[in-house]
């Protein structure tokens, strides 16, 4: 059997990027993907379709409520949900087809099916590949990369049926706008999908166990976001524990959510047309046969790896959502490139301190580096500079003045430690901050860079200047 240099199991953002980079470096590569469409959860039922719906729903909301401020009168605005969903599907199809073309360009063989480890030894790693028709063949590879991503975590008491109690996958394709929608979880997925359906006319209530929204993001920025989202119609119930969510046995057209009571008392019961469970995700390692070849997992079910993405079994590597770190598509992509470069005999690198996090609400939320809470907990001395978008000329011209930029720098060295943004196009603006932190820039460095006027990016410059209390337009 002629061995592959690399067999990648999973063709999501981490897997297909690793395969392409490895092929660029001269390796003989094949991928195994169980879904007919390439791109993984992110492209098929995650990042891309949700952003398509966010864009479309925002245009609908803008036409109904915001264009008048610009002197544009629009009457009789109507929602064509079927057309909106069709556009979303078209975006996804175009991108998945593009990945297929990229694999063919790189002469990367593609197996439509599942992979299961058979053995790992001196001759290489043997993987049984079962295709969509059930036929199984065996591939031998010098190295195998696990890039199988994540799935919705199963939470006891939350009875997901895909119709009344749903995951984000089903929430991308509701056939009609639910009159009432309950979202369990105030993280990125919950707020993004809640925003989509609220804009289209749903009465949305978000339930969160913690006393804040967006756990892990900067607290001050998250508090700002909550105020604006409430103005947009989202209702929040914080500090509540959901005991059960299920289809209403008395009324199949509704779902019920039972909150945990105190001191053993019965909890409050909420009702809605749909309930979206957006609490968390778990690594996809089922069916890979990891136990058969001895690959070790951590207590959370993630594959244990070293700094070069190698597992404890020679020839087997892992990246993305199945390993430690944030479950983000761009993190998986960076790991895919780095791993491929290691495997080709070069040097790969991922700076985990400069991986941005973004929430695509309106305005957007983005952050990179340390939060104020993390610095305080670690007793790191820091200075803070804040600039409000209402002081930015471009934001005023666009009538997008809500939000702020927050820059955190070391109190002694002035080195940038974190940048957090709540405001227009935060997802794009955060890249400048990621580059600056990656190159160990100081707040002074960022403040001294000339930014074009008028641009939203000037708010970053002003926030950097504000670290030393010399912002001009504050």
Protein backbone atom coordinates (compact mmCIF):
# COMPACT_ATOMS: atom_id res chain seq x y z
CA UNK A 1 0.00 0.00 0.00
CA UNK A 2 1.46 3.36 -1.08
CA UNK A 3 1.26 5.50 2.10
CA UNK A 4 0.01 9.05 2.17
CA UNK A 5 2.17 11.70 3.77
CA UNK A 6 -0.92 13.04 5.54
CA UNK A 7 -4.53 11.95 5.95
CA UNK A 8 -6.83 14.58 7.42
CA UNK A 9 -10.05 13.46 9.11
CA UNK A 10 -12.50 16.37 8.88
CA UNK A 11 -12.70 19.09 6.23
CA UNK A 12 -13.80 22.03 8.35
CA UNK A 13 -11.79 25.27 8.69
CA UNK A 14 -8.91 23.50 10.42
CA UNK A 15 -8.87 20.35 8.32
CA UNK A 16 -9.18 21.72 4.81
CA UNK A 17 -6.72 24.55 5.52
CA UNK A 18 -4.18 22.07 6.93
CA UNK A 19 -4.64 19.85 3.87
CA UNK A 20 -4.11 22.74 1.44
CA UNK A 21 -1.04 24.04 3.27
CA UNK A 22 0.46 20.56 3.47
CA UNK A 23 -0.10 20.07 -0.27
CA UNK A 24 1.56 23.44 -0.95
CA UNK A 25 4.58 22.15 0.95
CA UNK A 26 4.83 19.08 -1.27
CA UNK A 27 3.08 16.44 0.84
CA UNK A 28 0.79 13.78 -0.61
CA UNK A 29 -2.53 14.52 1.12
CA UNK A 30 -6.06 13.14 1.34
CA UNK A 31 -9.05 14.21 3.43
CA UNK A 32 -12.00 12.29 4.85
CA UNK A 33 -15.25 14.21 5.38
CA UNK A 34 -18.57 12.63 6.32
CA UNK A 35 -20.73 15.48 4.98
CA UNK A 36 -21.38 15.92 1.27
CA UNK A 37 -20.54 19.63 1.55
CA UNK A 38 -17.07 20.66 2.65
CA UNK A 39 -16.32 23.39 5.18
CA UNK A 40 -17.46 21.82 8.43
CA UNK A 41 -19.91 23.21 10.94
CA UNK A 42 -18.62 26.75 10.44
CA UNK A 43 -19.39 26.97 6.76
CA UNK A 44 -22.42 24.70 6.53
CA UNK A 45 -24.45 25.46 9.68
CA UNK A 46 -22.42 27.94 11.72
CA UNK A 47 -20.38 31.05 11.02
CA UNK A 48 -21.27 31.63 7.39
CA UNK A 49 -25.04 31.00 7.29
CA UNK A 50 -25.54 32.87 10.56
CA UNK A 51 -23.64 35.89 9.23
CA UNK A 52 -25.68 35.78 6.02
CA UNK A 53 -28.88 35.93 8.09
CA UNK A 54 -27.45 38.64 10.34
CA UNK A 55 -26.65 40.78 7.29
CA UNK A 56 -30.06 40.21 5.70
CA UNK A 57 -32.03 40.77 8.89
CA UNK A 58 -30.07 43.94 9.60
CA UNK A 59 -30.96 45.30 6.16
CA UNK A 60 -34.61 44.51 6.86
CA UNK A 61 -34.45 46.30 10.23
CA UNK A 62 -32.60 49.24 8.70
CA UNK A 63 -35.21 49.64 5.98
CA UNK A 64 -37.99 49.63 8.59
CA UNK A 65 -36.43 51.79 11.26
CA UNK A 66 -33.16 53.51 10.31
CA UNK A 67 -33.26 54.85 6.75
CA UNK A 68 -35.56 57.75 7.61
CA UNK A 69 -32.73 59.38 9.57
CA UNK A 70 -30.78 59.49 6.30
CA UNK A 71 -33.65 61.15 4.45
CA UNK A 72 -34.72 57.94 2.74
CA UNK A 73 -38.44 57.28 2.99
CA UNK A 74 -39.44 53.65 2.63
CA UNK A 75 -43.03 52.48 2.84
CA UNK A 76 -44.59 49.04 2.88
CA UNK A 77 -41.46 47.10 3.86
CA UNK A 78 -42.28 43.39 3.90
CA UNK A 79 -40.34 40.32 4.90
CA UNK A 80 -39.83 37.54 2.34
CA UNK A 81 -38.39 34.94 4.70
CA UNK A 82 -38.17 32.26 2.03
CA UNK A 83 -36.01 34.52 -0.16
CA UNK A 84 -33.83 35.45 2.81
CA UNK A 85 -33.22 31.80 3.64
CA UNK A 86 -32.59 30.97 -0.01
CA UNK A 87 -29.93 33.68 -0.18
CA UNK A 88 -28.29 32.23 2.92
CA UNK A 89 -28.22 28.78 1.34
CA UNK A 90 -26.79 30.21 -1.86
CA UNK A 91 -23.92 31.85 0.02
CA UNK A 92 -23.12 28.56 1.73
CA UNK A 93 -23.28 26.56 -1.50
CA UNK A 94 -20.94 28.94 -3.28
CA UNK A 95 -18.32 28.72 -0.55
CA UNK A 96 -18.50 24.94 -0.12
CA UNK A 97 -18.09 24.52 -3.87
CA UNK A 98 -15.09 26.83 -3.68
CA UNK A 99 -13.39 24.59 -1.12
CA UNK A 100 -13.99 21.56 -3.32
CA UNK A 101 -12.25 23.42 -6.15
CA UNK A 102 -9.32 24.31 -3.89
CA UNK A 103 -8.80 20.66 -2.93
CA UNK A 104 -8.82 19.65 -6.58
CA UNK A 105 -6.36 22.44 -7.38
CA UNK A 106 -4.02 21.10 -4.70
CA UNK A 107 -4.40 17.51 -5.99
CA UNK A 108 -5.82 16.51 -2.61
CA UNK A 109 -7.86 13.30 -2.69
CA UNK A 110 -11.26 13.56 -1.03
CA UNK A 111 -13.10 10.64 0.61
CA UNK A 112 -16.79 11.20 1.33
CA UNK A 113 -17.28 9.13 4.45
CA UNK A 114 -15.99 8.54 7.96
CA UNK A 115 -12.60 7.51 9.27
CA UNK A 116 -11.76 5.15 12.11
CA UNK A 117 -8.29 4.32 13.41
CA UNK A 118 -7.29 0.69 12.93
CA UNK A 119 -3.66 0.64 14.06
CA UNK A 120 -0.60 2.84 14.54
CA UNK A 121 2.90 1.45 14.19
CA UNK A 122 6.28 1.79 12.51
CA UNK A 123 4.81 1.45 9.02
CA UNK A 124 2.41 4.32 9.69
CA UNK A 125 -1.20 4.82 10.76
CA UNK A 126 -3.98 2.71 9.31
CA UNK A 127 -7.45 4.24 8.98
CA UNK A 128 -10.61 2.47 7.85
CA UNK A 129 -12.59 4.80 5.60
CA UNK A 130 -16.28 3.99 5.28
CA UNK A 131 -18.00 5.79 2.40
CA UNK A 132 -21.57 7.05 2.22
CA UNK A 133 -22.71 3.74 0.72
CA UNK A 134 -21.25 1.72 3.61
CA UNK A 135 -18.24 0.29 1.77
CA UNK A 136 -14.98 0.32 3.74
CA UNK A 137 -11.44 0.67 2.46
CA UNK A 138 -8.20 1.09 4.38
CA UNK A 139 -5.74 3.95 3.94
CA UNK A 140 -2.18 4.01 5.25
CA UNK A 141 -0.62 7.35 6.13
CA UNK A 142 2.66 8.41 7.69
CA UNK A 143 0.66 10.97 9.71
CA UNK A 144 -3.03 11.41 10.43
CA UNK A 145 -4.55 14.71 11.56
CA UNK A 146 -7.76 14.73 13.60
CA UNK A 147 -9.78 17.83 12.70
CA UNK A 148 -13.31 16.64 13.36
CA UNK A 149 -14.52 19.81 15.08
CA UNK A 150 -17.32 20.05 17.62
CA UNK A 151 -21.01 19.38 18.09
CA UNK A 152 -23.77 20.82 20.25
CA UNK A 153 -23.25 19.69 23.84
CA UNK A 154 -26.01 17.54 25.32
CA UNK A 155 -27.33 19.05 28.54
CA UNK A 156 -29.48 16.93 30.88
CA UNK A 157 -33.06 18.17 30.97
CA UNK A 158 -32.89 20.01 27.65
CA UNK A 159 -34.90 17.78 25.31
CA UNK A 160 -33.85 18.93 21.86
CA UNK A 161 -36.27 17.63 19.23
CA UNK A 162 -35.18 19.82 16.32
CA UNK A 163 -38.59 21.47 16.01
CA UNK A 164 -39.73 23.13 19.23
CA UNK A 165 -36.52 22.82 21.22
CA UNK A 166 -33.73 23.41 18.74
CA UNK A 167 -30.02 24.00 18.28
CA UNK A 168 -28.43 26.77 16.22
CA UNK A 169 -28.60 24.50 13.17
CA UNK A 170 -32.41 24.44 13.13
CA UNK A 171 -32.58 28.13 14.14
CA UNK A 172 -30.96 28.98 10.80
CA UNK A 173 -33.95 27.67 8.89
CA UNK A 174 -37.22 28.39 10.72
CA UNK A 175 -39.99 28.29 8.14
CA UNK A 176 -41.74 31.20 9.85
CA UNK A 177 -40.87 33.86 12.39
CA UNK A 178 -41.71 32.52 15.86
CA UNK A 179 -44.02 34.78 17.81
CA UNK A 180 -42.03 34.04 20.96
CA UNK A 181 -38.49 32.67 21.10
CA UNK A 182 -36.62 31.70 24.25
CA UNK A 183 -32.83 31.54 23.95
CA UNK A 184 -30.95 29.56 26.59
CA UNK A 185 -27.44 31.00 26.80
CA UNK A 186 -26.23 34.59 26.42
CA UNK A 187 -23.03 33.80 24.55
CA UNK A 188 -22.18 34.68 20.96
CA UNK A 189 -24.48 32.11 19.32
CA UNK A 190 -27.46 32.94 21.51
CA UNK A 191 -27.16 36.69 21.02
CA UNK A 192 -26.54 36.47 17.29
CA UNK A 193 -29.45 34.15 16.54
CA UNK A 194 -31.64 36.00 19.03
CA UNK A 195 -30.84 39.24 17.20
CA UNK A 196 -31.76 37.74 13.82
CA UNK A 197 -35.23 36.66 14.88
CA UNK A 198 -35.88 39.74 17.01
CA UNK A 199 -35.20 41.94 13.98
CA UNK A 200 -37.65 39.87 11.95
CA UNK A 201 -40.41 40.31 14.54
CA UNK A 202 -39.99 37.66 17.23
CA UNK A 203 -40.37 38.43 20.93
CA UNK A 204 -37.03 37.15 22.25
CA UNK A 205 -36.13 36.32 25.85
CA UNK A 206 -32.56 35.29 26.68
CA UNK A 207 -31.91 33.15 29.77
CA UNK A 208 -28.42 33.05 31.26
CA UNK A 209 -27.05 31.22 34.31
CA UNK A 210 -24.42 33.88 34.97
CA UNK A 211 -25.20 37.39 36.14
CA UNK A 212 -23.90 38.87 32.89
CA UNK A 213 -23.98 38.29 29.15
CA UNK A 214 -21.04 37.26 26.97
CA UNK A 215 -18.98 35.32 29.51
CA UNK A 216 -15.28 35.61 28.68
CA UNK A 217 -15.59 39.00 26.99
CA UNK A 218 -14.60 42.22 28.74
CA UNK A 219 -17.24 42.94 31.39
CA UNK A 220 -17.55 46.68 30.74
CA UNK A 221 -17.99 46.11 27.02
CA UNK A 222 -20.51 43.31 27.65
CA UNK A 223 -22.56 45.61 29.91
CA UNK A 224 -22.68 48.22 27.14
CA UNK A 225 -23.84 45.57 24.68
CA UNK A 226 -26.63 44.41 26.98
CA UNK A 227 -28.09 47.93 27.22
CA UNK A 228 -28.20 48.35 23.46
CA UNK A 229 -29.60 44.87 22.82
CA UNK A 230 -32.36 45.57 25.33
CA UNK A 231 -33.24 48.72 23.40
CA UNK A 232 -33.45 46.56 20.29
CA UNK A 233 -36.08 44.38 21.94
CA UNK A 234 -34.17 41.48 23.51
CA UNK A 235 -35.26 40.72 27.08
CA UNK A 236 -32.71 39.22 29.48
CA UNK A 237 -33.19 37.01 32.52
CA UNK A 238 -29.77 36.68 34.17
CA UNK A 239 -28.75 34.49 37.06
CA UNK A 240 -31.41 31.89 36.28
CA UNK A 241 -30.93 28.13 35.98
CA UNK A 242 -32.93 26.16 33.45
CA UNK A 243 -34.09 22.85 34.86
CA UNK A 244 -35.90 21.55 31.80
CA UNK A 245 -36.88 22.49 28.27
CA UNK A 246 -39.18 20.33 26.16
CA UNK A 247 -42.10 20.31 23.76
CA UNK A 248 -45.30 21.06 25.65
CA UNK A 249 -47.13 17.70 25.98
CA UNK A 250 -50.47 19.55 26.17
CA UNK A 251 -49.81 21.81 23.17
CA UNK A 252 -47.43 20.44 20.57
CA UNK A 253 -47.15 23.85 18.89
CA UNK A 254 -45.27 25.25 21.88
CA UNK A 255 -42.33 24.45 24.13
CA UNK A 256 -42.01 24.90 27.86
CA UNK A 257 -38.97 25.99 29.84
CA UNK A 258 -38.93 25.22 33.54
CA UNK A 259 -36.62 27.31 35.71
CA UNK A 260 -35.06 25.86 38.83
CA UNK A 261 -36.78 26.99 42.01
CA UNK A 262 -35.17 27.74 45.37
CA UNK A 263 -35.15 25.49 48.41
CA UNK A 264 -36.80 22.68 46.47
CA UNK A 265 -39.80 24.74 45.42
CA UNK A 266 -41.24 24.38 41.92
CA UNK A 267 -39.73 26.84 39.47
CA UNK A 268 -41.33 29.27 37.06
CA UNK A 269 -42.53 27.86 33.74
CA UNK A 270 -42.08 29.86 30.53
CA UNK A 271 -43.71 29.14 27.16
CA UNK A 272 -42.64 29.92 23.63
CA UNK A 273 -43.12 28.75 20.07
CA UNK A 274 -39.47 27.84 19.87
CA UNK A 275 -36.62 27.37 22.34
CA UNK A 276 -33.03 27.73 21.15
CA UNK A 277 -30.42 25.89 23.20
CA UNK A 278 -27.16 27.83 22.82
CA UNK A 279 -25.18 26.76 25.86
CA UNK A 280 -22.05 25.08 24.58
CA UNK A 281 -20.31 22.63 22.28
CA UNK A 282 -18.38 19.39 22.76
CA UNK A 283 -15.52 17.90 20.73
CA UNK A 284 -16.45 15.36 18.03
CA UNK A 285 -14.40 12.26 18.82
CA UNK A 286 -17.12 9.60 18.70
CA UNK A 287 -16.51 6.75 16.30
CA UNK A 288 -12.85 7.57 15.61
CA UNK A 289 -11.55 4.52 17.45
CA UNK A 290 -9.22 6.59 19.59
CA UNK A 291 -9.37 4.16 22.47
CA UNK A 292 -8.28 1.32 20.19
CA UNK A 293 -4.98 3.00 19.32
CA UNK A 294 -4.48 4.56 22.76
CA UNK A 295 -4.97 8.27 22.04
CA UNK A 296 -5.46 10.06 25.35
CA UNK A 297 -8.26 12.55 26.09
CA UNK A 298 -8.53 15.16 28.84
CA UNK A 299 -11.45 15.19 31.35
CA UNK A 300 -13.48 17.36 28.94
CA UNK A 301 -13.15 14.84 26.13
CA UNK A 302 -10.58 16.84 24.17
CA UNK A 303 -7.59 15.18 22.51
CA UNK A 304 -4.40 15.81 24.46
CA UNK A 305 -1.61 17.32 22.34
CA UNK A 306 1.84 18.83 22.79
CA UNK A 307 3.06 22.17 21.42
CA UNK A 308 3.47 20.65 17.95
CA UNK A 309 -0.09 19.23 17.89
CA UNK A 310 1.14 15.67 18.39
CA UNK A 311 -0.91 13.23 20.49
CA UNK A 312 0.68 10.60 22.71
CA UNK A 313 0.55 8.14 19.77
CA UNK A 314 3.26 8.52 17.14
CA UNK A 315 1.91 9.71 13.81
CA UNK A 316 -1.41 11.03 15.12
CA UNK A 317 -2.03 14.77 15.47
CA UNK A 318 -5.03 16.96 16.31
CA UNK A 319 -6.17 20.58 15.93
CA UNK A 320 -9.21 22.82 16.25
CA UNK A 321 -12.28 22.23 18.39
CA UNK A 322 -11.14 18.73 19.45
CA UNK A 323 -8.15 20.17 21.36
CA UNK A 324 -7.59 22.80 24.04
CA UNK A 325 -8.36 26.47 23.47
CA UNK A 326 -11.32 28.48 22.19
CA UNK A 327 -13.66 26.80 19.72
CA UNK A 328 -13.17 29.33 16.93
CA UNK A 329 -12.83 28.72 13.21
CA UNK A 330 -9.90 31.11 12.83
CA UNK A 331 -8.06 29.43 15.71
CA UNK A 332 -8.50 26.09 13.92
CA UNK A 333 -7.21 27.58 10.67
CA UNK A 334 -4.08 28.94 12.33
CA UNK A 335 -3.44 25.58 13.96
CA UNK A 336 -3.98 23.82 10.62
CA UNK A 337 -1.32 25.93 8.93
CA UNK A 338 1.12 25.59 11.83
CA UNK A 339 0.64 21.83 12.07
CA UNK A 340 1.16 21.36 8.31
CA UNK A 341 4.37 23.38 8.49
CA UNK A 342 5.66 21.26 11.38
CA UNK A 343 4.83 18.07 9.49
CA UNK A 344 6.67 19.31 6.41
CA UNK A 345 9.82 19.87 8.46
CA UNK A 346 9.42 23.59 8.96
CA UNK A 347 8.34 25.74 11.87
CA UNK A 348 4.75 26.59 12.72
CA UNK A 349 3.47 29.04 15.30
CA UNK A 350 0.17 30.14 16.82
CA UNK A 351 0.05 33.08 19.22
CA UNK A 352 -2.87 32.14 21.44
CA UNK A 353 -2.77 35.53 23.17
CA UNK A 354 -3.74 37.31 19.96
CA UNK A 355 -6.74 35.28 18.79
CA UNK A 356 -9.65 37.74 18.41
CA UNK A 357 -13.15 36.93 19.59
CA UNK A 358 -16.12 38.52 17.82
CA UNK A 359 -19.88 38.66 18.37
CA UNK A 360 -21.77 39.80 15.26
CA UNK A 361 -24.63 41.65 16.90
CA UNK A 362 -25.37 45.25 15.95
CA UNK A 363 -23.22 46.94 17.04
CA UNK A 364 -20.59 44.23 16.99
CA UNK A 365 -18.49 43.15 19.97
CA UNK A 366 -14.82 42.22 19.53
CA UNK A 367 -11.83 41.71 21.76
CA UNK A 368 -8.23 40.53 21.65
CA UNK A 369 -5.74 40.01 24.42
CA UNK A 370 -6.54 40.24 28.13
CA UNK A 371 -9.74 41.64 29.60
CA UNK A 372 -9.79 44.09 32.47
CA UNK A 373 -11.08 41.32 34.75
CA UNK A 374 -8.23 38.99 33.81
CA UNK A 375 -5.59 41.64 34.44
CA UNK A 376 -7.13 42.53 37.80
CA UNK A 377 -7.29 38.89 38.86
CA UNK A 378 -3.65 38.35 37.84
CA UNK A 379 -2.62 41.56 39.66
CA UNK A 380 -1.06 42.99 36.51
CA UNK A 381 -0.76 46.79 36.76
CA UNK A 382 -2.48 48.42 33.80
CA UNK A 383 -3.69 51.71 32.36
CA UNK A 384 -6.96 52.10 30.50
CA UNK A 385 -7.93 54.36 27.62
CA UNK A 386 -11.53 54.62 26.41
CA UNK A 387 -13.00 56.46 23.45
CA UNK A 388 -16.70 56.64 22.59
CA UNK A 389 -17.80 56.27 18.97
CA UNK A 390 -20.05 59.30 19.36
CA UNK A 391 -16.85 61.38 19.18
CA UNK A 392 -15.86 59.84 15.84
CA UNK A 393 -16.69 61.74 12.65
CA UNK A 394 -17.24 58.70 10.44
CA UNK A 395 -19.53 57.11 13.02
CA UNK A 396 -21.63 60.26 13.17
CA UNK A 397 -21.83 60.47 9.38
CA UNK A 398 -23.11 56.89 9.30
CA UNK A 399 -25.40 57.41 12.32
CA UNK A 400 -23.68 54.54 14.16
CA UNK A 401 -22.51 56.33 17.30
CA UNK A 402 -23.21 53.66 19.93
CA UNK A 403 -20.30 51.91 21.62
CA UNK A 404 -16.69 52.44 22.60
CA UNK A 405 -13.09 51.31 22.14
CA UNK A 406 -11.13 50.27 25.21
CA UNK A 407 -7.35 49.94 25.23
CA UNK A 408 -5.49 48.26 28.10
CA UNK A 409 -1.74 48.78 28.46
CA UNK A 410 0.83 47.81 31.09
CA UNK A 411 1.15 50.57 33.67
CA UNK A 412 4.96 50.47 33.58
CA UNK A 413 6.04 49.36 30.09
CA UNK A 414 3.00 50.73 28.17
CA UNK A 415 2.89 47.44 26.22
CA UNK A 416 -0.56 46.67 24.83
CA UNK A 417 -2.31 43.97 26.83
CA UNK A 418 -5.82 44.01 25.40
CA UNK A 419 -8.17 45.92 23.12
CA UNK A 420 -11.95 45.60 23.31
CA UNK A 421 -14.52 47.18 21.02
CA UNK A 422 -18.27 47.52 21.05
CA UNK A 423 -19.32 49.46 18.00
CA UNK A 424 -19.74 49.57 14.22
CA UNK A 425 -17.58 47.10 12.28
CA UNK A 426 -15.76 45.97 15.42
CA UNK A 427 -15.03 42.65 13.71
CA UNK A 428 -12.90 44.47 11.13
CA UNK A 429 -11.37 47.05 13.49
CA UNK A 430 -10.07 44.40 15.91
CA UNK A 431 -7.53 43.15 13.33
CA UNK A 432 -5.40 46.28 13.80
CA UNK A 433 -5.29 45.61 17.53
CA UNK A 434 -4.38 41.94 17.00
CA UNK A 435 -1.46 42.93 14.78
CA UNK A 436 -0.29 45.54 17.29
CA UNK A 437 -0.37 43.12 20.23
CA UNK A 438 1.28 40.40 18.13
CA UNK A 439 4.21 42.73 17.41
CA UNK A 440 4.45 43.76 21.09
CA UNK A 441 3.46 47.34 20.35
CA UNK A 442 2.84 49.89 23.07
CA UNK A 443 -0.18 52.13 23.42
CA UNK A 444 2.15 54.96 22.37
CA UNK A 445 3.03 53.08 19.16
CA UNK A 446 -0.65 52.73 18.31
CA UNK A 447 -1.34 56.36 19.18
CA UNK A 448 1.52 57.58 16.95
CA UNK A 449 0.29 55.73 13.84
CA UNK A 450 -1.48 58.05 11.42
CA UNK A 451 -5.04 56.90 10.72
CA UNK A 452 -6.99 58.16 7.70
CA UNK A 453 -9.72 60.71 8.40
CA UNK A 454 -12.62 60.25 8.62
CA UNK A 455 -12.55 56.55 9.53
CA UNK A 456 -13.87 54.41 12.34
CA UNK A 457 -10.31 53.26 13.01
CA UNK A 458 -9.52 56.69 14.42
CA UNK A 459 -11.45 55.58 17.50
CA UNK A 460 -8.68 53.05 18.18
CA UNK A 461 -6.03 55.76 17.87
CA UNK A 462 -7.98 58.01 20.23
CA UNK A 463 -8.44 55.21 22.78
CA UNK A 464 -4.69 54.55 22.65
CA UNK A 465 -4.07 58.25 23.23
CA UNK A 466 -6.55 58.17 26.10
CA UNK A 467 -4.31 55.68 27.92
CA UNK A 468 -2.16 58.71 28.78
CA UNK A 469 -5.17 61.05 28.98
CA UNK A 470 -4.42 62.91 25.75
CA UNK A 471 -7.32 61.94 23.49
CA UNK A 472 -8.20 64.88 21.24
CA UNK A 473 -11.92 64.39 20.60
CA UNK A 474 -13.03 62.98 23.95
